Amino acid sequence: MTLSTWQLTPALALRGQILALKYGLMLILEVCRIIKILLLVVESLDMNLKKRLDQEYDKTDERLYIKLLSKGSEEEAIQIAENKLNKHISDGKINPSEMVPATTVHWLIDEIKRKSRN
């Protein structure tokens, strides 16, 4: 069948629309699943912060980093983050949405420290 003789029948058009809706719905469901995971992570982080600092997270708090350092070790936190990430990778998880709990913020911290030394 050549392009010049190919015709889009109503049944074929409807099938294409149904497939588009199906894949669109699948994408929406996956996004919802990821959002749910992210909300659980944020809730967990907020609960941990409340437990450790007796305060809720406030991104405008200029002393938050100092408060966190007074409650624990930055190096230990980085080591824990690396261990959790490596465990997920060794378990074959490659999508960040599957790696709960895990973070790569320690990579950002390392880069900032390297650049601040120069």
Protein backbone atom coordinates (compact mmCIF):
# COMPACT_ATOMS: atom_id res chain seq x y z
CA MET A 1 0.00 0.00 0.00
CA THR A 2 1.46 3.34 -0.98
CA LEU A 3 0.82 6.65 0.70
CA SER A 4 -1.27 7.82 -2.24
CA THR A 5 -3.66 4.85 -1.94
CA TRP A 6 -3.69 4.71 1.85
CA GLN A 7 -6.96 5.97 3.31
CA LEU A 8 -7.84 6.64 6.91
CA THR A 9 -11.09 4.85 7.60
CA PRO A 10 -13.34 5.98 10.47
CA ALA A 11 -12.62 2.71 12.31
CA LEU A 12 -8.85 3.22 11.96
CA ALA A 13 -9.15 6.83 13.09
CA LEU A 14 -11.16 5.77 16.14
CA ARG A 15 -8.63 3.07 17.01
CA GLY A 16 -5.84 5.64 16.83
CA GLN A 17 -7.74 7.99 19.13
CA ILE A 18 -8.38 5.19 21.62
CA LEU A 19 -4.69 4.25 21.64
CA ALA A 20 -3.71 7.89 22.15
CA LEU A 21 -6.13 8.17 25.08
CA LYS A 22 -4.86 4.88 26.54
CA TYR A 23 -1.23 5.98 26.47
CA GLY A 24 -2.13 9.45 27.70
CA LEU A 25 -3.94 7.91 30.66
CA MET A 26 -0.99 5.61 31.37
CA LEU A 27 1.32 8.64 31.42
CA ILE A 28 -0.99 10.53 33.77
CA LEU A 29 -1.16 7.53 36.13
CA GLU A 30 2.65 7.25 36.17
CA VAL A 31 2.99 10.96 36.94
CA CYS A 32 0.44 10.58 39.76
CA ARG A 33 2.43 7.64 41.17
CA ILE A 34 5.63 9.69 41.14
CA ILE A 35 3.90 12.66 42.79
CA LYS A 36 2.55 10.36 45.50
CA ILE A 37 6.06 9.05 46.18
CA LEU A 38 7.47 12.58 46.30
CA LEU A 39 4.76 13.67 48.74
CA LEU A 40 5.61 10.73 51.00
CA VAL A 41 9.30 11.68 50.89
CA VAL A 42 8.55 15.31 51.71
CA GLU A 43 6.25 14.26 54.55
CA SER A 44 8.95 11.96 55.93
CA LEU A 45 11.58 14.69 55.72
CA ASP A 46 9.28 17.15 57.44
CA MET A 47 8.54 14.67 60.25
CA ASN A 48 12.27 14.00 60.73
CA LEU A 49 13.02 17.71 60.84
CA LYS A 50 10.27 18.31 63.40
CA LYS A 51 11.59 15.42 65.50
CA ARG A 52 15.20 16.56 65.40
CA LEU A 53 14.84 20.35 65.56
CA ASP A 54 11.42 20.80 67.18
CA GLN A 55 10.38 23.05 64.32
CA GLU A 56 8.71 22.81 60.93
CA TYR A 57 10.70 23.28 57.74
CA ASP A 58 10.98 26.91 56.71
CA LYS A 59 12.97 27.56 53.55
CA THR A 60 13.49 31.18 54.61
CA ASP A 61 15.25 30.14 57.84
CA GLU A 62 18.81 31.37 57.31
CA ARG A 63 20.03 29.41 60.34
CA LEU A 64 18.58 26.04 59.30
CA TYR A 65 21.93 24.66 58.11
CA ILE A 66 23.62 25.64 61.40
CA LYS A 67 20.76 24.07 63.37
CA LEU A 68 21.11 20.84 61.40
CA LEU A 69 24.87 20.75 61.95
CA SER A 70 24.32 21.10 65.70
CA LYS A 71 22.21 17.91 65.64
CA GLY A 72 24.43 15.68 63.51
CA SER A 73 27.37 15.23 61.19
CA GLU A 74 27.35 16.39 57.57
CA GLU A 75 29.91 13.73 56.68
CA GLU A 76 27.77 11.01 58.27
CA ALA A 77 24.67 12.26 56.40
CA ILE A 78 26.60 12.17 53.11
CA GLN A 79 27.81 8.64 53.85
CA ILE A 80 24.25 7.48 54.62
CA ALA A 81 23.00 9.06 51.38
CA GLU A 82 25.76 7.37 49.36
CA ASN A 83 25.05 3.99 50.98
CA LYS A 84 21.31 4.20 50.28
CA LEU A 85 21.86 5.26 46.68
CA ASN A 86 24.44 2.50 46.10
CA LYS A 87 22.07 -0.08 47.62
CA HIS A 88 19.29 0.90 45.22
CA ILE A 89 21.68 0.78 42.27
CA SER A 90 22.99 -2.65 43.30
CA ASP A 91 19.35 -3.82 43.57
CA GLY A 92 18.94 -2.90 39.90
CA LYS A 93 16.84 0.22 40.40
CA ILE A 94 17.65 2.82 37.77
CA ASN A 95 14.70 5.21 37.98
CA PRO A 96 14.94 7.82 40.75
CA SER A 97 11.23 7.32 41.47
CA GLU A 98 12.02 3.73 42.50
CA MET A 99 14.84 4.78 44.83
CA VAL A 100 12.89 5.67 47.96
CA PRO A 101 14.49 6.66 50.23
CA ALA A 102 17.48 7.97 48.34
CA THR A 103 18.97 11.27 47.26
CA THR A 104 21.81 12.64 45.16
CA VAL A 105 22.04 15.93 47.04
CA HIS A 106 25.43 14.78 48.37
CA TRP A 107 26.77 15.10 44.80
CA LEU A 108 25.66 18.73 44.79
CA ILE A 109 27.26 19.33 48.20
CA ASP A 110 30.55 17.82 46.99
CA GLU A 111 30.53 20.01 43.89
CA ILE A 112 29.79 23.16 45.90
CA LYS A 113 32.61 22.32 48.35
CA ARG A 114 35.09 21.72 45.51
CA LYS A 115 34.20 24.99 43.82
CA SER A 116 34.35 26.96 47.07
CA ARG A 117 37.91 25.74 47.71
CA ASN A 118 39.15 27.18 44.41
